[in-house]
Each structure stands twice: as structure tokens, then as C-alpha cells.
mmCIF file of all heavy atoms, coordinates in Angstrom:
data_MODEL
# 
_entry.id   MODEL 
# 
loop_
_atom_site.group_PDB 
_atom_site.id 
_atom_site.type_symbol 
_atom_site.label_atom_id 
_atom_site.label_alt_id 
_atom_site.label_comp_id 
_atom_site.label_asym_id 
_atom_site.label_entity_id 
_atom_site.label_seq_id 
_atom_site.pdbx_PDB_ins_code 
_atom_site.Cartn_x 
_atom_site.Cartn_y 
_atom_site.Cartn_z 
_atom_site.occupancy 
_atom_site.B_iso_or_equiv 
_atom_site.pdbx_formal_charge 
_atom_site.auth_seq_id 
_atom_site.auth_comp_id 
_atom_site.auth_asym_id 
_atom_site.auth_atom_id 
_atom_site.pdbx_PDB_model_num 
ATOM 1   N N   . LEU A 1 1  ? 28.203 110.826 153.215 1.00 0.00 ? 1  LEU A N   1 
ATOM 2   C CA  . LEU A 1 1  ? 29.150 110.797 152.104 1.00 0.00 ? 1  LEU A CA  1 
ATOM 3   C C   . LEU A 1 1  ? 28.582 111.522 150.897 1.00 0.00 ? 1  LEU A C   1 
ATOM 4   O O   . LEU A 1 1  ? 27.370 111.561 150.686 1.00 0.00 ? 1  LEU A O   1 
ATOM 5   C CB  . LEU A 1 1  ? 29.478 109.353 151.720 1.00 0.00 ? 1  LEU A CB  1 
ATOM 6   C CG  . LEU A 1 1  ? 30.160 108.495 152.785 1.00 0.00 ? 1  LEU A CG  1 
ATOM 7   C CD1 . LEU A 1 1  ? 30.374 107.078 152.251 1.00 0.00 ? 1  LEU A CD1 1 
ATOM 8   C CD2 . LEU A 1 1  ? 31.492 109.107 153.202 1.00 0.00 ? 1  LEU A CD2 1 
ATOM 9   N N   . THR A 1 2  ? 29.473 112.093 150.101 1.00 0.00 ? 2  THR A N   1 
ATOM 10  C CA  . THR A 1 2  ? 29.116 112.751 148.847 1.00 0.00 ? 2  THR A CA  1 
ATOM 11  C C   . THR A 1 2  ? 29.805 112.027 147.706 1.00 0.00 ? 2  THR A C   1 
ATOM 12  O O   . THR A 1 2  ? 31.010 111.758 147.777 1.00 0.00 ? 2  THR A O   1 
ATOM 13  C CB  . THR A 1 2  ? 29.579 114.228 148.853 1.00 0.00 ? 2  THR A CB  1 
ATOM 14  O OG1 . THR A 1 2  ? 28.840 114.949 149.840 1.00 0.00 ? 2  THR A OG1 1 
ATOM 15  C CG2 . THR A 1 2  ? 29.361 114.874 147.496 1.00 0.00 ? 2  THR A CG2 1 
ATOM 16  N N   . LEU A 1 3  ? 29.060 111.686 146.658 1.00 0.00 ? 3  LEU A N   1 
ATOM 17  C CA  . LEU A 1 3  ? 29.658 111.107 145.460 1.00 0.00 ? 3  LEU A CA  1 
ATOM 18  C C   . LEU A 1 3  ? 30.129 112.228 144.554 1.00 0.00 ? 3  LEU A C   1 
ATOM 19  O O   . LEU A 1 3  ? 29.343 113.088 144.146 1.00 0.00 ? 3  LEU A O   1 
ATOM 20  C CB  . LEU A 1 3  ? 28.641 110.228 144.727 1.00 0.00 ? 3  LEU A CB  1 
ATOM 21  C CG  . LEU A 1 3  ? 29.094 109.677 143.363 1.00 0.00 ? 3  LEU A CG  1 
ATOM 22  C CD1 . LEU A 1 3  ? 30.271 108.713 143.535 1.00 0.00 ? 3  LEU A CD1 1 
ATOM 23  C CD2 . LEU A 1 3  ? 27.940 108.998 142.646 1.00 0.00 ? 3  LEU A CD2 1 
ATOM 24  N N   . GLY A 1 4  ? 31.423 112.222 144.240 1.00 0.00 ? 4  GLY A N   1 
ATOM 25  C CA  . GLY A 1 4  ? 31.972 113.230 143.345 1.00 0.00 ? 4  GLY A CA  1 
ATOM 26  C C   . GLY A 1 4  ? 31.805 112.827 141.890 1.00 0.00 ? 4  GLY A C   1 
ATOM 27  O O   . GLY A 1 4  ? 31.560 111.656 141.570 1.00 0.00 ? 4  GLY A O   1 
ATOM 28  N N   . THR A 1 5  ? 31.960 113.782 140.995 1.00 0.00 ? 5  THR A N   1 
ATOM 29  C CA  . THR A 1 5  ? 31.859 113.477 139.573 1.00 0.00 ? 5  THR A CA  1 
ATOM 30  C C   . THR A 1 5  ? 32.999 112.576 139.106 1.00 0.00 ? 5  THR A C   1 
ATOM 31  O O   . THR A 1 5  ? 32.914 111.975 138.040 1.00 0.00 ? 5  THR A O   1 
ATOM 32  C CB  . THR A 1 5  ? 31.862 114.771 138.742 1.00 0.00 ? 5  THR A CB  1 
ATOM 33  O OG1 . THR A 1 5  ? 33.015 115.558 139.092 1.00 0.00 ? 5  THR A OG1 1 
ATOM 34  C CG2 . THR A 1 5  ? 30.610 115.590 139.020 1.00 0.00 ? 5  THR A CG2 1 
ATOM 35  N N   . ASP A 1 6  ? 34.050 112.476 139.914 1.00 0.00 ? 6  ASP A N   1 
ATOM 36  C CA  . ASP A 1 6  ? 35.160 111.585 139.587 1.00 0.00 ? 6  ASP A CA  1 
ATOM 37  C C   . ASP A 1 6  ? 34.894 110.146 140.001 1.00 0.00 ? 6  ASP A C   1 
ATOM 38  O O   . ASP A 1 6  ? 35.736 109.267 139.805 1.00 0.00 ? 6  ASP A O   1 
ATOM 39  C CB  . ASP A 1 6  ? 36.458 112.076 140.229 1.00 0.00 ? 6  ASP A CB  1 
ATOM 40  C CG  . ASP A 1 6  ? 36.360 112.200 141.752 1.00 0.00 ? 6  ASP A CG  1 
ATOM 41  O OD1 . ASP A 1 6  ? 35.301 111.843 142.327 1.00 0.00 ? 6  ASP A OD1 1 
ATOM 42  O OD2 . ASP A 1 6  ? 37.344 112.660 142.375 1.00 0.00 ? 6  ASP A OD2 1 
ATOM 43  N N   . GLY A 1 7  ? 33.723 109.887 140.608 1.00 0.00 ? 7  GLY A N   1 
ATOM 44  C CA  . GLY A 1 7  ? 33.378 108.540 141.041 1.00 0.00 ? 7  GLY A CA  1 
ATOM 45  C C   . GLY A 1 7  ? 33.863 108.188 142.426 1.00 0.00 ? 7  GLY A C   1 
ATOM 46  O O   . GLY A 1 7  ? 33.576 107.098 142.930 1.00 0.00 ? 7  GLY A O   1 
ATOM 47  N N   . ASN A 1 8  ? 34.568 109.100 143.081 1.00 0.00 ? 8  ASN A N   1 
ATOM 48  C CA  . ASN A 1 8  ? 35.053 108.874 144.439 1.00 0.00 ? 8  ASN A CA  1 
ATOM 49  C C   . ASN A 1 8  ? 34.073 109.480 145.451 1.00 0.00 ? 8  ASN A C   1 
ATOM 50  O O   . ASN A 1 8  ? 33.204 110.284 145.094 1.00 0.00 ? 8  ASN A O   1 
ATOM 51  C CB  . ASN A 1 8  ? 36.442 109.494 144.621 1.00 0.00 ? 8  ASN A CB  1 
ATOM 52  C CG  . ASN A 1 8  ? 37.453 108.890 143.677 1.00 0.00 ? 8  ASN A CG  1 
ATOM 53  O OD1 . ASN A 1 8  ? 37.442 107.683 143.414 1.00 0.00 ? 8  ASN A OD1 1 
ATOM 54  N ND2 . ASN A 1 8  ? 38.343 109.712 143.137 1.00 0.00 ? 8  ASN A ND2 1 
ATOM 55  N N   . PHE A 1 9  ? 34.263 109.103 146.721 1.00 0.00 ? 9  PHE A N   1 
ATOM 56  C CA  . PHE A 1 9  ? 33.385 109.599 147.780 1.00 0.00 ? 9  PHE A CA  1 
ATOM 57  C C   . PHE A 1 9  ? 34.153 110.542 148.702 1.00 0.00 ? 9  PHE A C   1 
ATOM 58  O O   . PHE A 1 9  ? 35.352 110.363 148.934 1.00 0.00 ? 9  PHE A O   1 
ATOM 59  C CB  . PHE A 1 9  ? 32.817 108.426 148.591 1.00 0.00 ? 9  PHE A CB  1 
ATOM 60  C CG  . PHE A 1 9  ? 31.907 107.546 147.792 1.00 0.00 ? 9  PHE A CG  1 
ATOM 61  C CD1 . PHE A 1 9  ? 32.394 106.427 147.134 1.00 0.00 ? 9  PHE A CD1 1 
ATOM 62  C CD2 . PHE A 1 9  ? 30.556 107.846 147.660 1.00 0.00 ? 9  PHE A CD2 1 
ATOM 63  C CE1 . PHE A 1 9  ? 31.570 105.630 146.375 1.00 0.00 ? 9  PHE A CE1 1 
ATOM 64  C CE2 . PHE A 1 9  ? 29.717 107.054 146.904 1.00 0.00 ? 9  PHE A CE2 1 
ATOM 65  C CZ  . PHE A 1 9  ? 30.228 105.940 146.257 1.00 0.00 ? 9  PHE A CZ  1 
ATOM 66  N N   . TYR A 1 10 ? 33.426 111.525 149.229 1.00 0.00 ? 10 TYR A N   1 
ATOM 67  C CA  . TYR A 1 10 ? 34.028 112.536 150.087 1.00 0.00 ? 10 TYR A CA  1 
ATOM 68  C C   . TYR A 1 10 ? 33.211 112.692 151.363 1.00 0.00 ? 10 TYR A C   1 
ATOM 69  O O   . TYR A 1 10 ? 31.985 112.601 151.345 1.00 0.00 ? 10 TYR A O   1 
ATOM 70  C CB  . TYR A 1 10 ? 34.122 113.870 149.338 1.00 0.00 ? 10 TYR A CB  1 
ATOM 71  C CG  . TYR A 1 10 ? 35.023 113.781 148.128 1.00 0.00 ? 10 TYR A CG  1 
ATOM 72  C CD1 . TYR A 1 10 ? 34.540 113.297 146.916 1.00 0.00 ? 10 TYR A CD1 1 
ATOM 73  C CD2 . TYR A 1 10 ? 36.365 114.127 148.218 1.00 0.00 ? 10 TYR A CD2 1 
ATOM 74  C CE1 . TYR A 1 10 ? 35.379 113.165 145.811 1.00 0.00 ? 10 TYR A CE1 1 
ATOM 75  C CE2 . TYR A 1 10 ? 37.213 114.003 147.125 1.00 0.00 ? 10 TYR A CE2 1 
ATOM 76  C CZ  . TYR A 1 10 ? 36.710 113.518 145.915 1.00 0.00 ? 10 TYR A CZ  1 
ATOM 77  O OH  . TYR A 1 10 ? 37.551 113.380 144.837 1.00 0.00 ? 10 TYR A OH  1 
ATOM 78  N N   . GLY A 1 11 ? 33.917 112.883 152.480 1.00 0.00 ? 11 GLY A N   1 
ATOM 79  C CA  . GLY A 1 11 ? 33.243 113.039 153.759 1.00 0.00 ? 11 GLY A CA  1 
ATOM 80  C C   . GLY A 1 11 ? 34.101 113.839 154.723 1.00 0.00 ? 11 GLY A C   1 
ATOM 81  O O   . GLY A 1 11 ? 35.232 114.235 154.401 1.00 0.00 ? 11 GLY A O   1 
ATOM 82  N N   . SER A 1 12 ? 33.571 114.075 155.908 1.00 0.00 ? 12 SER A N   1 
ATOM 83  C CA  . SER A 1 12 ? 34.278 114.850 156.937 1.00 0.00 ? 12 SER A CA  1 
ATOM 84  C C   . SER A 1 12 ? 34.229 114.123 158.269 1.00 0.00 ? 12 SER A C   1 
ATOM 85  O O   . SER A 1 12 ? 33.229 113.478 158.588 1.00 0.00 ? 12 SER A O   1 
ATOM 86  C CB  . SER A 1 12 ? 33.637 116.237 157.104 1.00 0.00 ? 12 SER A CB  1 
ATOM 87  O OG  . SER A 1 12 ? 33.710 116.982 155.914 1.00 0.00 ? 12 SER A OG  1 
ATOM 88  N N   . CYS A 1 13 ? 35.298 114.250 159.024 1.00 0.00 ? 13 CYS A N   1 
ATOM 89  C CA  . CYS A 1 13 ? 35.357 113.728 160.385 1.00 0.00 ? 13 CYS A CA  1 
ATOM 90  C C   . CYS A 1 13 ? 35.462 114.917 161.339 1.00 0.00 ? 13 CYS A C   1 
ATOM 91  O O   . CYS A 1 13 ? 36.251 115.844 161.111 1.00 0.00 ? 13 CYS A O   1 
ATOM 92  C CB  . CYS A 1 13 ? 36.560 112.809 160.580 1.00 0.00 ? 13 CYS A CB  1 
ATOM 93  S SG  . CYS A 1 13 ? 36.470 111.275 159.618 1.00 0.00 ? 13 CYS A SG  1 
ATOM 94  N N   . GLN A 1 14 ? 34.682 114.869 162.419 1.00 0.00 ? 14 GLN A N   1 
ATOM 95  C CA  . GLN A 1 14 ? 34.663 115.992 163.355 1.00 0.00 ? 14 GLN A CA  1 
ATOM 96  C C   . GLN A 1 14 ? 35.876 116.000 164.287 1.00 0.00 ? 14 GLN A C   1 
ATOM 97  O O   . GLN A 1 14 ? 36.172 117.017 164.914 1.00 0.00 ? 14 GLN A O   1 
ATOM 98  C CB  . GLN A 1 14 ? 33.376 115.964 164.164 1.00 0.00 ? 14 GLN A CB  1 
ATOM 99  C CG  . GLN A 1 14 ? 32.139 116.104 163.286 1.00 0.00 ? 14 GLN A CG  1 
ATOM 100 C CD  . GLN A 1 14 ? 30.858 116.120 164.073 1.00 0.00 ? 14 GLN A CD  1 
ATOM 101 O OE1 . GLN A 1 14 ? 30.607 117.051 164.850 1.00 0.00 ? 14 GLN A OE1 1 
ATOM 102 N NE2 . GLN A 1 14 ? 30.037 115.101 163.919 1.00 0.00 ? 14 GLN A NE2 1 
ATOM 103 N N   . GLY A 1 15 ? 36.545 114.874 164.391 1.00 0.00 ? 15 GLY A N   1 
ATOM 104 C CA  . GLY A 1 15 ? 37.750 114.780 165.210 1.00 0.00 ? 15 GLY A CA  1 
ATOM 105 C C   . GLY A 1 15 ? 38.872 114.146 164.413 1.00 0.00 ? 15 GLY A C   1 
ATOM 106 O O   . GLY A 1 15 ? 38.729 113.830 163.237 1.00 0.00 ? 15 GLY A O   1 
ATOM 107 N N   . GLY A 1 16 ? 40.005 113.949 165.065 1.00 0.00 ? 16 GLY A N   1 
ATOM 108 C CA  . GLY A 1 16 ? 41.137 113.334 164.387 1.00 0.00 ? 16 GLY A CA  1 
ATOM 109 C C   . GLY A 1 16 ? 41.846 114.304 163.469 1.00 0.00 ? 16 GLY A C   1 
ATOM 110 O O   . GLY A 1 16 ? 41.707 115.528 163.577 1.00 0.00 ? 16 GLY A O   1 
ATOM 111 N N   . GLY A 1 17 ? 42.624 113.771 162.545 1.00 0.00 ? 17 GLY A N   1 
ATOM 112 C CA  . GLY A 1 17 ? 43.429 114.607 161.658 1.00 0.00 ? 17 GLY A CA  1 
ATOM 113 C C   . GLY A 1 17 ? 44.769 114.936 162.283 1.00 0.00 ? 17 GLY A C   1 
ATOM 114 O O   . GLY A 1 17 ? 45.104 114.493 163.389 1.00 0.00 ? 17 GLY A O   1 
ATOM 115 N N   . ASP A 1 18 ? 45.532 115.755 161.597 1.00 0.00 ? 18 ASP A N   1 
ATOM 116 C CA  . ASP A 1 18 ? 46.882 116.082 162.058 1.00 0.00 ? 18 ASP A CA  1 
ATOM 117 C C   . ASP A 1 18 ? 46.892 116.923 163.330 1.00 0.00 ? 18 ASP A C   1 
ATOM 118 O O   . ASP A 1 18 ? 47.877 116.914 164.079 1.00 0.00 ? 18 ASP A O   1 
ATOM 119 C CB  . ASP A 1 18 ? 47.635 116.841 160.960 1.00 0.00 ? 18 ASP A CB  1 
ATOM 120 C CG  . ASP A 1 18 ? 47.861 115.995 159.717 1.00 0.00 ? 18 ASP A CG  1 
ATOM 121 O OD1 . ASP A 1 18 ? 47.773 114.750 159.821 1.00 0.00 ? 18 ASP A OD1 1 
ATOM 122 O OD2 . ASP A 1 18 ? 48.097 116.581 158.642 1.00 0.00 ? 18 ASP A OD2 1 
ATOM 123 N N   . HIS A 1 19 ? 45.811 117.671 163.594 1.00 0.00 ? 19 HIS A N   1 
ATOM 124 C CA  . HIS A 1 19 ? 45.786 118.584 164.738 1.00 0.00 ? 19 HIS A CA  1 
ATOM 125 C C   . HIS A 1 19 ? 44.678 118.270 165.736 1.00 0.00 ? 19 HIS A C   1 
ATOM 126 O O   . HIS A 1 19 ? 44.541 118.977 166.734 1.00 0.00 ? 19 HIS A O   1 
ATOM 127 C CB  . HIS A 1 19 ? 45.630 120.024 164.242 1.00 0.00 ? 19 HIS A CB  1 
ATOM 128 C CG  . HIS A 1 19 ? 46.564 120.379 163.116 1.00 0.00 ? 19 HIS A CG  1 
ATOM 129 N ND1 . HIS A 1 19 ? 47.928 120.534 163.283 1.00 0.00 ? 19 HIS A ND1 1 
ATOM 130 C CD2 . HIS A 1 19 ? 46.322 120.577 161.786 1.00 0.00 ? 19 HIS A CD2 1 
ATOM 131 C CE1 . HIS A 1 19 ? 48.485 120.825 162.119 1.00 0.00 ? 19 HIS A CE1 1 
ATOM 132 N NE2 . HIS A 1 19 ? 47.536 120.852 161.200 1.00 0.00 ? 19 HIS A NE2 1 
ATOM 133 N N   . GLY A 1 20 ? 43.882 117.245 165.451 1.00 0.00 ? 20 GLY A N   1 
ATOM 134 C CA  . GLY A 1 20 ? 42.801 116.875 166.360 1.00 0.00 ? 20 GLY A CA  1 
ATOM 135 C C   . GLY A 1 20 ? 41.517 117.673 166.174 1.00 0.00 ? 20 GLY A C   1 
ATOM 136 O O   . GLY A 1 20 ? 40.584 117.535 166.956 1.00 0.00 ? 20 GLY A O   1 
ATOM 137 N N   . TYR A 1 21 ? 41.466 118.516 165.125 1.00 0.00 ? 21 TYR A N   1 
ATOM 138 C CA  . TYR A 1 21 ? 40.296 119.355 164.886 1.00 0.00 ? 21 TYR A CA  1 
ATOM 139 C C   . TYR A 1 21 ? 39.420 118.847 163.740 1.00 0.00 ? 21 TYR A C   1 
ATOM 140 O O   . TYR A 1 21 ? 38.525 119.548 163.289 1.00 0.00 ? 21 TYR A O   1 
ATOM 141 C CB  . TYR A 1 21 ? 40.725 120.788 164.593 1.00 0.00 ? 21 TYR A CB  1 
ATOM 142 C CG  . TYR A 1 21 ? 41.363 121.486 165.765 1.00 0.00 ? 21 TYR A CG  1 
ATOM 143 C CD1 . TYR A 1 21 ? 42.721 121.785 165.767 1.00 0.00 ? 21 TYR A CD1 1 
ATOM 144 C CD2 . TYR A 1 21 ? 40.602 121.850 166.877 1.00 0.00 ? 21 TYR A CD2 1 
ATOM 145 C CE1 . TYR A 1 21 ? 43.319 122.432 166.840 1.00 0.00 ? 21 TYR A CE1 1 
ATOM 146 C CE2 . TYR A 1 21 ? 41.188 122.497 167.961 1.00 0.00 ? 21 TYR A CE2 1 
ATOM 147 C CZ  . TYR A 1 21 ? 42.547 122.783 167.935 1.00 0.00 ? 21 TYR A CZ  1 
ATOM 148 O OH  . TYR A 1 21 ? 43.131 123.422 169.013 1.00 0.00 ? 21 TYR A OH  1 
ATOM 149 N N   . GLY A 1 22 ? 39.681 117.635 163.279 1.00 0.00 ? 22 GLY A N   1 
ATOM 150 C CA  . GLY A 1 22 ? 38.887 117.070 162.201 1.00 0.00 ? 22 GLY A CA  1 
ATOM 151 C C   . GLY A 1 22 ? 39.543 117.224 160.840 1.00 0.00 ? 22 GLY A C   1 
ATOM 152 O O   . GLY A 1 22 ? 40.547 117.945 160.695 1.00 0.00 ? 22 GLY A O   1 
ATOM 153 N N   . TYR A 1 23 ? 38.954 116.560 159.857 1.00 0.00 ? 23 TYR A N   1 
ATOM 154 C CA  . TYR A 1 23 ? 39.545 116.585 158.521 1.00 0.00 ? 23 TYR A CA  1 
ATOM 155 C C   . TYR A 1 23 ? 38.508 116.192 157.470 1.00 0.00 ? 23 TYR A C   1 
ATOM 156 O O   . TYR A 1 23 ? 37.423 115.700 157.788 1.00 0.00 ? 23 TYR A O   1 
ATOM 157 C CB  . TYR A 1 23 ? 40.747 115.654 158.445 1.00 0.00 ? 23 TYR A CB  1 
ATOM 158 C CG  . TYR A 1 23 ? 40.458 114.189 158.736 1.00 0.00 ? 23 TYR A CG  1 
ATOM 159 C CD1 . TYR A 1 23 ? 40.202 113.285 157.696 1.00 0.00 ? 23 TYR A CD1 1 
ATOM 160 C CD2 . TYR A 1 23 ? 40.452 113.695 160.037 1.00 0.00 ? 23 TYR A CD2 1 
ATOM 161 C CE1 . TYR A 1 23 ? 39.942 111.945 157.960 1.00 0.00 ? 23 TYR A CE1 1 
ATOM 162 C CE2 . TYR A 1 23 ? 40.201 112.364 160.307 1.00 0.00 ? 23 TYR A CE2 1 
ATOM 163 C CZ  . TYR A 1 23 ? 39.949 111.483 159.256 1.00 0.00 ? 23 TYR A CZ  1 
ATOM 164 O OH  . TYR A 1 23 ? 39.681 110.164 159.524 1.00 0.00 ? 23 TYR A OH  1 
ATOM 165 N N   . VAL A 1 24 ? 38.859 116.426 156.218 1.00 0.00 ? 24 VAL A N   1 
ATOM 166 C CA  . VAL A 1 24 ? 38.055 116.013 155.066 1.00 0.00 ? 24 VAL A CA  1 
ATOM 167 C C   . VAL A 1 24 ? 38.776 114.852 154.403 1.00 0.00 ? 24 VAL A C   1 
ATOM 168 O O   . VAL A 1 24 ? 40.001 114.882 154.242 1.00 0.00 ? 24 VAL A O   1 
ATOM 169 C CB  . VAL A 1 24 ? 37.868 117.172 154.062 1.00 0.00 ? 24 VAL A CB  1 
ATOM 170 C CG1 . VAL A 1 24 ? 37.107 116.692 152.825 1.00 0.00 ? 24 VAL A CG1 1 
ATOM 171 C CG2 . VAL A 1 24 ? 37.127 118.329 154.727 1.00 0.00 ? 24 VAL A CG2 1 
ATOM 172 N N   . PHE A 1 25 ? 38.011 113.822 154.028 1.00 0.00 ? 25 PHE A N   1 
ATOM 173 C CA  . PHE A 1 25 ? 38.645 112.631 153.449 1.00 0.00 ? 25 PHE A CA  1 
ATOM 174 C C   . PHE A 1 25 ? 38.024 112.257 152.104 1.00 0.00 ? 25 PHE A C   1 
ATOM 175 O O   . PHE A 1 25 ? 36.932 112.721 151.736 1.00 0.00 ? 25 PHE A O   1 
ATOM 176 C CB  . PHE A 1 25 ? 38.554 111.444 154.410 1.00 0.00 ? 25 PHE A CB  1 
ATOM 177 C CG  . PHE A 1 25 ? 37.145 110.970 154.695 1.00 0.00 ? 25 PHE A CG  1 
ATOM 178 C CD1 . PHE A 1 25 ? 36.484 110.085 153.842 1.00 0.00 ? 25 PHE A CD1 1 
ATOM 179 C CD2 . PHE A 1 25 ? 36.481 111.397 155.840 1.00 0.00 ? 25 PHE A CD2 1 
ATOM 180 C CE1 . PHE A 1 25 ? 35.198 109.651 154.114 1.00 0.00 ? 25 PHE A CE1 1 
ATOM 181 C CE2 . PHE A 1 25 ? 35.187 110.959 156.125 1.00 0.00 ? 25 PHE A CE2 1 
ATOM 182 C CZ  . PHE A 1 25 ? 34.545 110.090 155.261 1.00 0.00 ? 25 PHE A CZ  1 
ATOM 183 N N   . GLN A 1 26 ? 38.745 111.404 151.407 1.00 0.00 ? 26 GLN A N   1 
ATOM 184 C CA  . GLN A 1 26 ? 38.311 110.860 150.120 1.00 0.00 ? 26 GLN A CA  1 
ATOM 185 C C   . GLN A 1 26 ? 38.419 109.341 150.176 1.00 0.00 ? 26 GLN A C   1 
ATOM 186 O O   . GLN A 1 26 ? 39.380 108.803 150.720 1.00 0.00 ? 26 GLN A O   1 
ATOM 187 C CB  . GLN A 1 26 ? 39.207 111.399 149.000 1.00 0.00 ? 26 GLN A CB  1 
ATOM 188 C CG  . GLN A 1 26 ? 38.967 110.796 147.615 1.00 0.00 ? 26 GLN A CG  1 
ATOM 189 C CD  . GLN A 1 26 ? 40.155 111.045 146.693 1.00 0.00 ? 26 GLN A CD  1 
ATOM 190 O OE1 . GLN A 1 26 ? 41.260 110.538 146.930 1.00 0.00 ? 26 GLN A OE1 1 
ATOM 191 N NE2 . GLN A 1 26 ? 39.944 111.848 145.653 1.00 0.00 ? 26 GLN A NE2 1 
ATOM 192 N N   . VAL A 1 27 ? 37.421 108.656 149.632 1.00 0.00 ? 27 VAL A N   1 
ATOM 193 C CA  . VAL A 1 27 ? 37.457 107.201 149.518 1.00 0.00 ? 27 VAL A CA  1 
ATOM 194 C C   . VAL A 1 27 ? 37.397 106.835 148.041 1.00 0.00 ? 27 VAL A C   1 
ATOM 195 O O   . VAL A 1 27 ? 36.458 107.239 147.341 1.00 0.00 ? 27 VAL A O   1 
ATOM 196 C CB  . VAL A 1 27 ? 36.284 106.531 150.260 1.00 0.00 ? 27 VAL A CB  1 
ATOM 197 C CG1 . VAL A 1 27 ? 36.321 105.012 150.054 1.00 0.00 ? 27 VAL A CG1 1 
ATOM 198 C CG2 . VAL A 1 27 ? 36.325 106.852 151.743 1.00 0.00 ? 27 VAL A CG2 1 
# 
């Protein structure tokens, strides 16, 4: 995970998403 300057966290998934090729997410 990466902590953004906005205080939120960002990460990536290697699978899943709308097309099954992975996605970037925010928590």
C-alpha cells in the first residue's frame, strides 16, 4: 500500500477488475 498526501491508501490488484486484468484501488 501507498499512503497518499490526501491521507488515503492506494494499491494494485493483479487480477479482478472490470476485465479480469487487474485494477488500481483506493482505501
